[in-house]
Amino acid sequence: MVVASSLSACICERGVLQFTPIPTTTGSNSLPVEYLVFLLGAVVPVYIVFGVIGLSGLRRITRYEVHDSFYYRLNPGTKVVALFLVALTISSAGLYLGLLATGIILGSYATLIHGKEKLELGTLFTIAVVWGTVWGAVSDRLSFIIGQEVNGGTIDTSFFFGDLTRIVASDVAVSGVFLLALILVMTSTPSDVMRVLRRIGLPNPITFSVVVGMRTVPILLDSINSIMKVQLMRGFGSRGSRSLGPLYVFAASIFALIPALIYLLRGARNMAISTGTRAFGAYKNRTYVKQPPFGPADVAVLAMAVAFLAVSIVI
């Protein structure tokens, strides 16, 4: 059986896609090796998300909480522009600059409310995302290398210190954009984000879709978490091994999707009535009682984001 196909591993370095051919070989031990590599790549992110972070942790990093630290005092427009500039920077920067930007963003989680917990959740979320994306890119190549060792061959160590290292570093750098987007969600109300998007000039339907998404994700996670706990209380997975607990939580979450979506659809009528009573879309422009401030901290954040973008272009 073919251990690894002739597909190419995609490596992204400094915004340039390079393709490294993957050799092929055959052997009687290929099936167990392929399944082992696939399961390892699929189970680890699931275990981190559902076993370590949990739905309660996902709720903490996807909903707004009132606080008065640095990010909460920033103008929402500043955070949106900084997110855009960081995305441009990471897409065009070298690996080291991208890793530096991601490290700064992740470290800034400590300034949020419950900063230590948010920092841990952000780190675990980054590991899960990077692990899942990297494994999808290198699973075929890794199967071939492990298959060589099983069949008495020699492991190609240059893969681990070359291609794999670059792929991991590239994905860690890209994860900085997701971390900054979560900061926007955790430190800005949906109304603030809607105000910024309307000032940019986005149409009402697009603005409304983004705001509804920000409002719906925490509610969806709450619903799934409640339904999942009810299933576990009724004995779902009670006869299995405790080490398989995260997998039972994952399965219970999948089973809870349809009831949770039904609950959200029932609440859609209330949302429609709410937007109608607030005359959403009746006028081209909306007025606001309180205008978000724009101070020296906003200037500093934008200056830092522009500096990172300039450095990424120069080097």
C-alpha atoms as a PDB file:
ATOM      1  CA  MET A   1       0.000   0.000   0.000  1.00  0.00           C
ATOM      2  CA  VAL A   2       1.206   3.487  -0.688  1.00  0.00           C
ATOM      3  CA  VAL A   3       2.525   5.091   2.480  1.00  0.00           C
ATOM      4  CA  ALA A   4       2.614   8.635   1.215  1.00  0.00           C
ATOM      5  CA  SER A   5       1.212  10.093  -1.947  1.00  0.00           C
ATOM      6  CA  SER A   6       3.113  12.290  -4.377  1.00  0.00           C
ATOM      7  CA  LEU A   7       1.336  15.373  -3.165  1.00  0.00           C
ATOM      8  CA  SER A   8       3.460  18.346  -2.226  1.00  0.00           C
ATOM      9  CA  ALA A   9       3.850  19.933   1.172  1.00  0.00           C
ATOM     10  CA  CYS A  10       3.049  23.620   1.027  1.00  0.00           C
ATOM     11  CA  ILE A  11       5.490  25.876   2.839  1.00  0.00           C
ATOM     12  CA  CYS A  12       4.847  29.561   3.302  1.00  0.00           C
ATOM     13  CA  GLU A  13       7.864  31.751   3.933  1.00  0.00           C
ATOM     14  CA  ARG A  14       7.855  35.536   3.525  1.00  0.00           C
ATOM     15  CA  GLY A  15       4.585  35.329   1.607  1.00  0.00           C
ATOM     16  CA  VAL A  16       6.039  32.958  -1.049  1.00  0.00           C
ATOM     17  CA  LEU A  17       4.612  29.501  -1.523  1.00  0.00           C
ATOM     18  CA  GLN A  18       7.242  26.832  -2.006  1.00  0.00           C
ATOM     19  CA  PHE A  19       6.456  23.211  -2.743  1.00  0.00           C
ATOM     20  CA  THR A  20       8.598  20.323  -1.629  1.00  0.00           C
ATOM     21  CA  PRO A  21       7.888  17.043  -3.457  1.00  0.00           C
ATOM     22  CA  ILE A  22       6.960  14.139  -1.201  1.00  0.00           C
ATOM     23  CA  PRO A  23       8.494  10.805  -2.148  1.00  0.00           C
ATOM     24  CA  THR A  24       6.440   7.647  -2.252  1.00  0.00           C
ATOM     25  CA  THR A  25       7.116   4.140  -1.099  1.00  0.00           C
ATOM     26  CA  THR A  26       5.205   0.961  -0.381  1.00  0.00           C
ATOM     27  CA  GLY A  27       5.234  -1.401   2.529  1.00  0.00           C
ATOM     28  CA  SER A  28       3.096  -3.789   4.551  1.00  0.00           C
ATOM     29  CA  ASN A  29       3.166  -1.560   7.629  1.00  0.00           C
ATOM     30  CA  SER A  30       1.762   1.538   5.904  1.00  0.00           C
ATOM     31  CA  LEU A  31      -1.849   1.190   7.065  1.00  0.00           C
ATOM     32  CA  PRO A  32      -1.181   1.288  10.817  1.00  0.00           C
ATOM     33  CA  VAL A  33       1.277   4.161  10.393  1.00  0.00           C
ATOM     34  CA  GLU A  34      -1.162   6.254   8.367  1.00  0.00           C
ATOM     35  CA  TYR A  35      -3.962   5.696  10.857  1.00  0.00           C
ATOM     36  CA  LEU A  36      -1.666   6.516  13.783  1.00  0.00           C
ATOM     37  CA  VAL A  37      -0.557   9.785  12.195  1.00  0.00           C
ATOM     38  CA  PHE A  38      -4.128  10.736  11.279  1.00  0.00           C
ATOM     39  CA  LEU A  39      -5.517   9.985  14.737  1.00  0.00           C
ATOM     40  CA  LEU A  40      -2.683  11.845  16.462  1.00  0.00           C
ATOM     41  CA  GLY A  41      -3.321  14.906  14.336  1.00  0.00           C
ATOM     42  CA  ALA A  42      -7.100  14.806  14.846  1.00  0.00           C
ATOM     43  CA  VAL A  43      -7.333  13.823  18.517  1.00  0.00           C
ATOM     44  CA  VAL A  44      -4.852  16.310  20.006  1.00  0.00           C
ATOM     45  CA  PRO A  45      -6.692  19.505  18.876  1.00  0.00           C
ATOM     46  CA  VAL A  46     -10.030  17.988  19.954  1.00  0.00           C
ATOM     47  CA  TYR A  47      -8.583  17.113  23.350  1.00  0.00           C
ATOM     48  CA  ILE A  48      -7.172  20.632  23.820  1.00  0.00           C
ATOM     49  CA  VAL A  49     -10.398  22.395  22.784  1.00  0.00           C
ATOM     50  CA  PHE A  50     -12.932  20.163  24.534  1.00  0.00           C
ATOM     51  CA  GLY A  51     -10.829  18.616  27.289  1.00  0.00           C
ATOM     52  CA  VAL A  52      -8.569  21.458  28.427  1.00  0.00           C
ATOM     53  CA  ILE A  53     -10.223  24.688  27.245  1.00  0.00           C
ATOM     54  CA  GLY A  54     -13.794  23.417  27.348  1.00  0.00           C
ATOM     55  CA  LEU A  55     -16.923  25.216  26.204  1.00  0.00           C
ATOM     56  CA  SER A  56     -16.790  27.463  29.261  1.00  0.00           C
ATOM     57  CA  GLY A  57     -13.303  28.599  28.233  1.00  0.00           C
ATOM     58  CA  LEU A  58     -14.448  29.232  24.663  1.00  0.00           C
ATOM     59  CA  ARG A  59     -17.243  31.393  26.031  1.00  0.00           C
ATOM     60  CA  ARG A  60     -14.733  33.444  28.003  1.00  0.00           C
ATOM     61  CA  ILE A  61     -12.719  34.353  24.901  1.00  0.00           C
ATOM     62  CA  THR A  62     -15.687  35.020  22.608  1.00  0.00           C
ATOM     63  CA  ARG A  63     -17.836  37.435  24.639  1.00  0.00           C
ATOM     64  CA  TYR A  64     -17.545  40.973  25.911  1.00  0.00           C
ATOM     65  CA  GLU A  65     -16.918  41.593  29.605  1.00  0.00           C
ATOM     66  CA  VAL A  66     -16.933  44.999  31.280  1.00  0.00           C
ATOM     67  CA  HIS A  67     -13.517  46.168  32.474  1.00  0.00           C
ATOM     68  CA  ASP A  68     -11.317  49.285  32.522  1.00  0.00           C
ATOM     69  CA  SER A  69      -7.872  48.174  31.422  1.00  0.00           C
ATOM     70  CA  PHE A  70      -5.855  49.203  28.360  1.00  0.00           C
ATOM     71  CA  TYR A  71      -7.743  47.458  25.549  1.00  0.00           C
ATOM     72  CA  TYR A  72     -11.144  48.367  26.964  1.00  0.00           C
ATOM     73  CA  ARG A  73     -10.304  52.079  26.831  1.00  0.00           C
ATOM     74  CA  LEU A  74      -9.174  51.979  23.202  1.00  0.00           C
ATOM     75  CA  ASN A  75     -11.418  53.297  20.480  1.00  0.00           C
ATOM     76  CA  PRO A  76     -13.085  50.350  18.660  1.00  0.00           C
ATOM     77  CA  GLY A  77     -12.007  51.899  15.358  1.00  0.00           C
ATOM     78  CA  THR A  78      -8.388  51.723  16.510  1.00  0.00           C
ATOM     79  CA  LYS A  79      -8.712  48.001  17.156  1.00  0.00           C
ATOM     80  CA  VAL A  80     -10.316  47.378  13.768  1.00  0.00           C
ATOM     81  CA  VAL A  81      -7.595  49.321  11.916  1.00  0.00           C
ATOM     82  CA  ALA A  82      -4.847  47.638  13.968  1.00  0.00           C
ATOM     83  CA  LEU A  83      -6.324  44.232  13.109  1.00  0.00           C
ATOM     84  CA  PHE A  84      -6.218  45.101   9.411  1.00  0.00           C
ATOM     85  CA  LEU A  85      -2.626  46.387   9.603  1.00  0.00           C
ATOM     86  CA  VAL A  86      -1.429  43.347  11.566  1.00  0.00           C
ATOM     87  CA  ALA A  87      -3.027  41.038   8.991  1.00  0.00           C
ATOM     88  CA  LEU A  88      -1.135  42.869   6.227  1.00  0.00           C
ATOM     89  CA  THR A  89       2.077  42.759   8.256  1.00  0.00           C
ATOM     90  CA  ILE A  90       1.960  39.031   8.925  1.00  0.00           C
ATOM     91  CA  SER A  91       1.066  38.248   5.315  1.00  0.00           C
ATOM     92  CA  SER A  92       4.127  40.100   4.008  1.00  0.00           C
ATOM     93  CA  ALA A  93       6.600  39.821   6.881  1.00  0.00           C
ATOM     94  CA  GLY A  94       9.322  37.298   7.527  1.00  0.00           C
ATOM     95  CA  LEU A  95       8.796  34.546  10.063  1.00  0.00           C
ATOM     96  CA  TYR A  96      10.677  36.272  12.873  1.00  0.00           C
ATOM     97  CA  LEU A  97       8.691  39.491  12.630  1.00  0.00           C
ATOM     98  CA  GLY A  98       5.446  37.548  12.456  1.00  0.00           C
ATOM     99  CA  LEU A  99       6.398  35.522  15.524  1.00  0.00           C
ATOM    100  CA  LEU A 100       7.314  38.731  17.367  1.00  0.00           C
ATOM    101  CA  ALA A 101       3.927  40.279  16.558  1.00  0.00           C
ATOM    102  CA  THR A 102       2.101  37.144  17.692  1.00  0.00           C
ATOM    103  CA  GLY A 103       4.110  37.023  20.916  1.00  0.00           C
ATOM    104  CA  ILE A 104       3.287  40.659  21.723  1.00  0.00           C
ATOM    105  CA  ILE A 105      -0.423  40.124  21.026  1.00  0.00           C
ATOM    106  CA  LEU A 106      -0.575  36.934  23.079  1.00  0.00           C
ATOM    107  CA  GLY A 107       1.336  38.517  25.968  1.00  0.00           C
ATOM    108  CA  SER A 108      -1.110  41.430  25.991  1.00  0.00           C
ATOM    109  CA  TYR A 109      -3.863  38.995  27.007  1.00  0.00           C
ATOM    110  CA  ALA A 110      -2.532  39.419  30.542  1.00  0.00           C
ATOM    111  CA  THR A 111      -3.955  42.967  30.571  1.00  0.00           C
ATOM    112  CA  LEU A 112      -7.529  41.737  30.026  1.00  0.00           C
ATOM    113  CA  ILE A 113     -10.006  40.993  32.784  1.00  0.00           C
ATOM    114  CA  HIS A 114      -8.978  37.683  34.391  1.00  0.00           C
ATOM    115  CA  GLY A 115      -5.729  38.175  32.504  1.00  0.00           C
ATOM    116  CA  LYS A 116      -3.917  35.039  33.669  1.00  0.00           C
ATOM    117  CA  GLU A 117      -6.821  32.820  32.651  1.00  0.00           C
ATOM    118  CA  LYS A 118      -7.220  34.607  29.310  1.00  0.00           C
ATOM    119  CA  LEU A 119      -3.494  34.225  28.640  1.00  0.00           C
ATOM    120  CA  GLU A 120      -3.689  30.487  29.289  1.00  0.00           C
ATOM    121  CA  LEU A 121      -6.783  30.122  27.115  1.00  0.00           C
ATOM    122  CA  GLY A 122      -5.184  32.123  24.304  1.00  0.00           C
ATOM    123  CA  THR A 123      -2.049  29.977  24.440  1.00  0.00           C
ATOM    124  CA  LEU A 124      -4.031  26.732  24.386  1.00  0.00           C
ATOM    125  CA  PHE A 125      -6.223  27.999  21.555  1.00  0.00           C
ATOM    126  CA  THR A 126      -3.125  28.906  19.533  1.00  0.00           C
ATOM    127  CA  ILE A 127      -1.598  25.467  20.117  1.00  0.00           C
ATOM    128  CA  ALA A 128      -4.818  23.741  19.001  1.00  0.00           C
ATOM    129  CA  VAL A 129      -5.115  25.839  15.839  1.00  0.00           C
ATOM    130  CA  VAL A 130      -1.449  25.481  14.905  1.00  0.00           C
ATOM    131  CA  TRP A 131      -1.417  21.747  15.632  1.00  0.00           C
ATOM    132  CA  GLY A 132      -4.493  21.108  13.491  1.00  0.00           C
ATOM    133  CA  THR A 133      -3.358  23.172  10.513  1.00  0.00           C
ATOM    134  CA  VAL A 134       0.241  21.912  10.577  1.00  0.00           C
ATOM    135  CA  TRP A 135      -0.836  18.298  10.841  1.00  0.00           C
ATOM    136  CA  GLY A 136      -3.073  18.682   7.808  1.00  0.00           C
ATOM    137  CA  ALA A 137      -0.097  19.970   5.808  1.00  0.00           C
ATOM    138  CA  VAL A 138       2.540  17.418   6.853  1.00  0.00           C
ATOM    139  CA  SER A 139       0.595  14.239   7.648  1.00  0.00           C
ATOM    140  CA  ASP A 140       1.477  12.558   4.324  1.00  0.00           C
ATOM    141  CA  ARG A 141       5.154  13.447   4.604  1.00  0.00           C
ATOM    142  CA  LEU A 142       5.278  12.382   8.253  1.00  0.00           C
ATOM    143  CA  SER A 143       3.651   9.038   7.401  1.00  0.00           C
ATOM    144  CA  PHE A 144       6.414   8.402   4.889  1.00  0.00           C
ATOM    145  CA  ILE A 145       9.160   9.260   7.397  1.00  0.00           C
ATOM    146  CA  ILE A 146       7.676   7.099  10.163  1.00  0.00           C
ATOM    147  CA  GLY A 147       7.113   4.322   7.645  1.00  0.00           C
ATOM    148  CA  GLN A 148      10.794   4.417   6.739  1.00  0.00           C
ATOM    149  CA  GLU A 149      11.741   3.924  10.397  1.00  0.00           C
ATOM    150  CA  VAL A 150       9.246   1.074  10.839  1.00  0.00           C
ATOM    151  CA  ASN A 151      10.660  -0.677   7.793  1.00  0.00           C
ATOM    152  CA  GLY A 152      14.223  -0.325   9.067  1.00  0.00           C
ATOM    153  CA  GLY A 153      15.160   2.787   7.145  1.00  0.00           C
ATOM    154  CA  THR A 154      16.722   6.048   8.278  1.00  0.00           C
ATOM    155  CA  ILE A 155      14.643   9.014   9.445  1.00  0.00           C
ATOM    156  CA  ASP A 156      15.112  12.193   7.412  1.00  0.00           C
ATOM    157  CA  THR A 157      15.889  14.630  10.234  1.00  0.00           C
ATOM    158  CA  SER A 158      16.176  17.548   7.798  1.00  0.00           C
ATOM    159  CA  PHE A 159      12.373  17.500   7.523  1.00  0.00           C
ATOM    160  CA  PHE A 160      11.915  18.185  11.245  1.00  0.00           C
ATOM    161  CA  PHE A 161      14.538  20.965  11.363  1.00  0.00           C
ATOM    162  CA  GLY A 162      13.640  22.455   7.985  1.00  0.00           C
ATOM    163  CA  ASP A 163      10.207  22.188   6.413  1.00  0.00           C
ATOM    164  CA  LEU A 164       8.274  21.359   9.587  1.00  0.00           C
ATOM    165  CA  THR A 165       9.886  24.178  11.574  1.00  0.00           C
ATOM    166  CA  ARG A 166       9.017  26.740   8.901  1.00  0.00           C
ATOM    167  CA  ILE A 167       5.422  25.537   8.642  1.00  0.00           C
ATOM    168  CA  VAL A 168       4.936  25.706  12.418  1.00  0.00           C
ATOM    169  CA  ALA A 169       6.496  29.174  12.624  1.00  0.00           C
ATOM    170  CA  SER A 170       4.348  30.409   9.736  1.00  0.00           C
ATOM    171  CA  ASP A 171       1.120  29.114  11.326  1.00  0.00           C
ATOM    172  CA  VAL A 172       2.030  30.591  14.708  1.00  0.00           C
ATOM    173  CA  ALA A 173       2.549  33.958  13.041  1.00  0.00           C
ATOM    174  CA  VAL A 174      -0.810  33.752  11.256  1.00  0.00           C
ATOM    175  CA  SER A 175      -2.545  32.844  14.525  1.00  0.00           C
ATOM    176  CA  GLY A 176      -1.696  36.355  15.753  1.00  0.00           C
ATOM    177  CA  VAL A 177      -4.478  37.703  13.533  1.00  0.00           C
ATOM    178  CA  PHE A 178      -7.017  35.406  15.219  1.00  0.00           C
ATOM    179  CA  LEU A 179      -5.739  36.378  18.667  1.00  0.00           C
ATOM    180  CA  LEU A 180      -6.144  40.075  17.871  1.00  0.00           C
ATOM    181  CA  ALA A 181      -9.640  39.457  16.475  1.00  0.00           C
ATOM    182  CA  LEU A 182     -10.579  37.776  19.771  1.00  0.00           C
ATOM    183  CA  ILE A 183      -9.291  40.843  21.632  1.00  0.00           C
ATOM    184  CA  LEU A 184     -11.653  42.981  19.547  1.00  0.00           C
ATOM    185  CA  VAL A 185     -14.554  40.692  20.466  1.00  0.00           C
ATOM    186  CA  MET A 186     -13.657  40.525  24.173  1.00  0.00           C
ATOM    187  CA  THR A 187     -13.121  44.270  24.660  1.00  0.00           C
ATOM    188  CA  SER A 188     -15.753  45.888  22.396  1.00  0.00           C
ATOM    189  CA  THR A 189     -19.526  45.717  22.507  1.00  0.00           C
ATOM    190  CA  PRO A 190     -21.417  44.743  19.331  1.00  0.00           C
ATOM    191  CA  SER A 191     -22.846  48.276  19.218  1.00  0.00           C
ATOM    192  CA  ASP A 192     -19.339  49.792  19.200  1.00  0.00           C
ATOM    193  CA  VAL A 193     -18.253  47.500  16.377  1.00  0.00           C
ATOM    194  CA  MET A 194     -21.398  48.305  14.400  1.00  0.00           C
ATOM    195  CA  ARG A 195     -20.694  52.017  14.792  1.00  0.00           C
ATOM    196  CA  VAL A 196     -17.174  51.592  13.417  1.00  0.00           C
ATOM    197  CA  LEU A 197     -18.312  49.472  10.478  1.00  0.00           C
ATOM    198  CA  ARG A 198     -20.977  52.022   9.572  1.00  0.00           C
ATOM    199  CA  ARG A 199     -18.408  54.835   9.638  1.00  0.00           C
ATOM    200  CA  ILE A 200     -16.208  52.826   7.306  1.00  0.00           C
ATOM    201  CA  GLY A 201     -19.144  52.759   4.926  1.00  0.00           C
ATOM    202  CA  LEU A 202     -20.206  49.110   5.004  1.00  0.00           C
ATOM    203  CA  PRO A 203     -23.858  48.528   4.080  1.00  0.00           C
ATOM    204  CA  ASN A 204     -26.395  47.866   6.820  1.00  0.00           C
ATOM    205  CA  PRO A 205     -26.901  44.165   5.925  1.00  0.00           C
ATOM    206  CA  ILE A 206     -23.175  43.403   6.269  1.00  0.00           C
ATOM    207  CA  THR A 207     -22.891  45.405   9.486  1.00  0.00           C
ATOM    208  CA  PHE A 208     -25.933  43.716  10.939  1.00  0.00           C
ATOM    209  CA  SER A 209     -24.580  40.264  10.015  1.00  0.00           C
ATOM    210  CA  VAL A 210     -21.283  40.926  11.821  1.00  0.00           C
ATOM    211  CA  VAL A 211     -23.030  42.244  14.922  1.00  0.00           C
ATOM    212  CA  VAL A 212     -25.476  39.338  15.013  1.00  0.00           C
ATOM    213  CA  GLY A 213     -22.545  36.935  14.711  1.00  0.00           C
ATOM    214  CA  MET A 214     -20.764  38.560  17.667  1.00  0.00           C
ATOM    215  CA  ARG A 215     -23.947  38.320  19.695  1.00  0.00           C
ATOM    216  CA  THR A 216     -24.888  34.805  18.593  1.00  0.00           C
ATOM    217  CA  VAL A 217     -21.619  32.924  19.148  1.00  0.00           C
ATOM    218  CA  PRO A 218     -21.632  33.282  22.971  1.00  0.00           C
ATOM    219  CA  ILE A 219     -25.337  32.376  23.090  1.00  0.00           C
ATOM    220  CA  LEU A 220     -24.701  29.314  20.903  1.00  0.00           C
ATOM    221  CA  LEU A 221     -21.842  28.185  23.141  1.00  0.00           C
ATOM    222  CA  ASP A 222     -23.998  28.680  26.240  1.00  0.00           C
ATOM    223  CA  SER A 223     -26.792  26.602  24.701  1.00  0.00           C
ATOM    224  CA  ILE A 224     -24.452  23.810  23.608  1.00  0.00           C
ATOM    225  CA  ASN A 225     -22.807  23.788  27.035  1.00  0.00           C
ATOM    226  CA  SER A 226     -26.180  23.492  28.828  1.00  0.00           C
ATOM    227  CA  ILE A 227     -27.463  20.728  26.527  1.00  0.00           C
ATOM    228  CA  MET A 228     -24.153  18.874  26.755  1.00  0.00           C
ATOM    229  CA  LYS A 229     -24.231  18.930  30.569  1.00  0.00           C
ATOM    230  CA  VAL A 230     -27.788  17.560  30.544  1.00  0.00           C
ATOM    231  CA  GLN A 231     -26.658  14.669  28.328  1.00  0.00           C
ATOM    232  CA  LEU A 232     -23.725  13.892  30.618  1.00  0.00           C
ATOM    233  CA  MET A 233     -25.973  14.066  33.702  1.00  0.00           C
ATOM    234  CA  ARG A 234     -28.258  11.492  32.085  1.00  0.00           C
ATOM    235  CA  GLY A 235     -25.370   9.055  31.771  1.00  0.00           C
ATOM    236  CA  PHE A 236     -23.918   9.725  28.329  1.00  0.00           C
ATOM    237  CA  GLY A 237     -20.436   8.165  28.315  1.00  0.00           C
ATOM    238  CA  SER A 238     -20.682   7.021  31.940  1.00  0.00           C
ATOM    239  CA  ARG A 239     -19.670   3.468  31.047  1.00  0.00           C
ATOM    240  CA  GLY A 240     -16.571   4.518  29.173  1.00  0.00           C
ATOM    241  CA  SER A 241     -13.052   5.191  30.377  1.00  0.00           C
ATOM    242  CA  ARG A 242     -12.379   8.497  32.111  1.00  0.00           C
ATOM    243  CA  SER A 243      -9.436   9.063  29.793  1.00  0.00           C
ATOM    244  CA  LEU A 244     -11.947   9.316  26.926  1.00  0.00           C
ATOM    245  CA  GLY A 245     -13.846  12.116  28.687  1.00  0.00           C
ATOM    246  CA  PRO A 246     -12.908  14.855  26.174  1.00  0.00           C
ATOM    247  CA  LEU A 247     -14.105  12.669  23.292  1.00  0.00           C
ATOM    248  CA  TYR A 248     -17.460  12.143  25.024  1.00  0.00           C
ATOM    249  CA  VAL A 249     -17.700  15.899  25.557  1.00  0.00           C
ATOM    250  CA  PHE A 250     -16.956  16.412  21.858  1.00  0.00           C
ATOM    251  CA  ALA A 251     -19.607  13.856  20.847  1.00  0.00           C
ATOM    252  CA  ALA A 252     -22.160  15.391  23.239  1.00  0.00           C
ATOM    253  CA  SER A 253     -21.413  18.829  21.753  1.00  0.00           C
ATOM    254  CA  ILE A 254     -22.067  17.510  18.244  1.00  0.00           C
ATOM    255  CA  PHE A 255     -25.371  15.990  19.364  1.00  0.00           C
ATOM    256  CA  ALA A 256     -26.290  19.315  20.990  1.00  0.00           C
ATOM    257  CA  LEU A 257     -25.926  21.328  17.782  1.00  0.00           C
ATOM    258  CA  ILE A 258     -29.429  20.715  16.417  1.00  0.00           C
ATOM    259  CA  PRO A 259     -31.276  21.526  19.695  1.00  0.00           C
ATOM    260  CA  ALA A 260     -29.101  24.625  20.114  1.00  0.00           C
ATOM    261  CA  LEU A 261     -29.822  25.811  16.571  1.00  0.00           C
ATOM    262  CA  ILE A 262     -33.552  25.270  17.146  1.00  0.00           C
ATOM    263  CA  TYR A 263     -33.295  27.405  20.271  1.00  0.00           C
ATOM    264  CA  LEU A 264     -31.558  30.161  18.287  1.00  0.00           C
ATOM    265  CA  LEU A 265     -34.174  30.042  15.548  1.00  0.00           C
ATOM    266  CA  ARG A 266     -36.882  30.488  18.135  1.00  0.00           C
ATOM    267  CA  GLY A 267     -35.062  33.552  19.424  1.00  0.00           C
ATOM    268  CA  ALA A 268     -34.728  35.033  15.927  1.00  0.00           C
ATOM    269  CA  ARG A 269     -38.265  36.430  16.178  1.00  0.00           C
ATOM    270  CA  ASN A 270     -37.344  38.364  19.326  1.00  0.00           C
ATOM    271  CA  MET A 271     -34.286  39.777  17.553  1.00  0.00           C
ATOM    272  CA  ALA A 272     -36.399  40.860  14.599  1.00  0.00           C
ATOM    273  CA  ILE A 273     -38.844  42.638  16.927  1.00  0.00           C
ATOM    274  CA  SER A 274     -35.948  44.295  18.776  1.00  0.00           C
ATOM    275  CA  THR A 275     -34.345  45.665  15.612  1.00  0.00           C
ATOM    276  CA  GLY A 276     -37.718  46.820  14.335  1.00  0.00           C
ATOM    277  CA  THR A 277     -38.567  48.755  17.490  1.00  0.00           C
ATOM    278  CA  ARG A 278     -35.138  50.450  17.281  1.00  0.00           C
ATOM    279  CA  ALA A 279     -35.839  51.503  13.665  1.00  0.00           C
ATOM    280  CA  PHE A 280     -32.756  49.699  12.390  1.00  0.00           C
ATOM    281  CA  GLY A 281     -32.291  50.476   8.711  1.00  0.00           C
ATOM    282  CA  ALA A 282     -35.001  53.156   8.622  1.00  0.00           C
ATOM    283  CA  TYR A 283     -32.428  55.902   8.119  1.00  0.00           C
ATOM    284  CA  LYS A 284     -29.137  55.993   6.265  1.00  0.00           C
ATOM    285  CA  ASN A 285     -27.214  57.292   9.271  1.00  0.00           C
ATOM    286  CA  ARG A 286     -27.667  56.655  12.974  1.00  0.00           C
ATOM    287  CA  THR A 287     -26.942  58.887  15.958  1.00  0.00           C
ATOM    288  CA  TYR A 288     -25.328  57.790  19.212  1.00  0.00           C
ATOM    289  CA  VAL A 289     -25.632  59.174  22.703  1.00  0.00           C
ATOM    290  CA  LYS A 290     -22.026  58.448  23.642  1.00  0.00           C
ATOM    291  CA  GLN A 291     -19.074  58.842  21.304  1.00  0.00           C
ATOM    292  CA  PRO A 292     -16.027  56.624  21.950  1.00  0.00           C
ATOM    293  CA  PRO A 293     -12.897  58.629  22.875  1.00  0.00           C
ATOM    294  CA  PHE A 294      -9.730  58.764  20.817  1.00  0.00           C
ATOM    295  CA  GLY A 295      -6.661  59.459  22.939  1.00  0.00           C
ATOM    296  CA  PRO A 296      -2.870  59.044  23.102  1.00  0.00           C
ATOM    297  CA  ALA A 297      -3.174  55.278  23.617  1.00  0.00           C
ATOM    298  CA  ASP A 298      -4.973  54.960  20.282  1.00  0.00           C
ATOM    299  CA  VAL A 299      -2.242  56.971  18.558  1.00  0.00           C
ATOM    300  CA  ALA A 300       0.434  54.746  20.115  1.00  0.00           C
ATOM    301  CA  VAL A 301      -1.273  51.515  19.018  1.00  0.00           C
ATOM    302  CA  LEU A 302      -1.760  52.747  15.460  1.00  0.00           C
ATOM    303  CA  ALA A 303       1.835  53.999  15.303  1.00  0.00           C
ATOM    304  CA  MET A 304       3.124  50.608  16.432  1.00  0.00           C
ATOM    305  CA  ALA A 305       0.963  48.787  13.877  1.00  0.00           C
ATOM    306  CA  VAL A 306       2.146  51.097  11.078  1.00  0.00           C
ATOM    307  CA  ALA A 307       5.767  50.641  12.184  1.00  0.00           C
ATOM    308  CA  PHE A 308       5.444  46.856  12.033  1.00  0.00           C
ATOM    309  CA  LEU A 309       3.923  47.101   8.551  1.00  0.00           C
ATOM    310  CA  ALA A 310       6.713  49.438   7.366  1.00  0.00           C
ATOM    311  CA  VAL A 311       9.419  47.142   8.708  1.00  0.00           C
ATOM    312  CA  SER A 312       7.813  44.116   7.065  1.00  0.00           C
ATOM    313  CA  ILE A 313       7.805  45.918   3.709  1.00  0.00           C
ATOM    314  CA  VAL A 314      11.382  47.153   4.007  1.00  0.00           C
ATOM    315  CA  ILE A 315      12.944  43.868   5.042  1.00  0.00           C
END
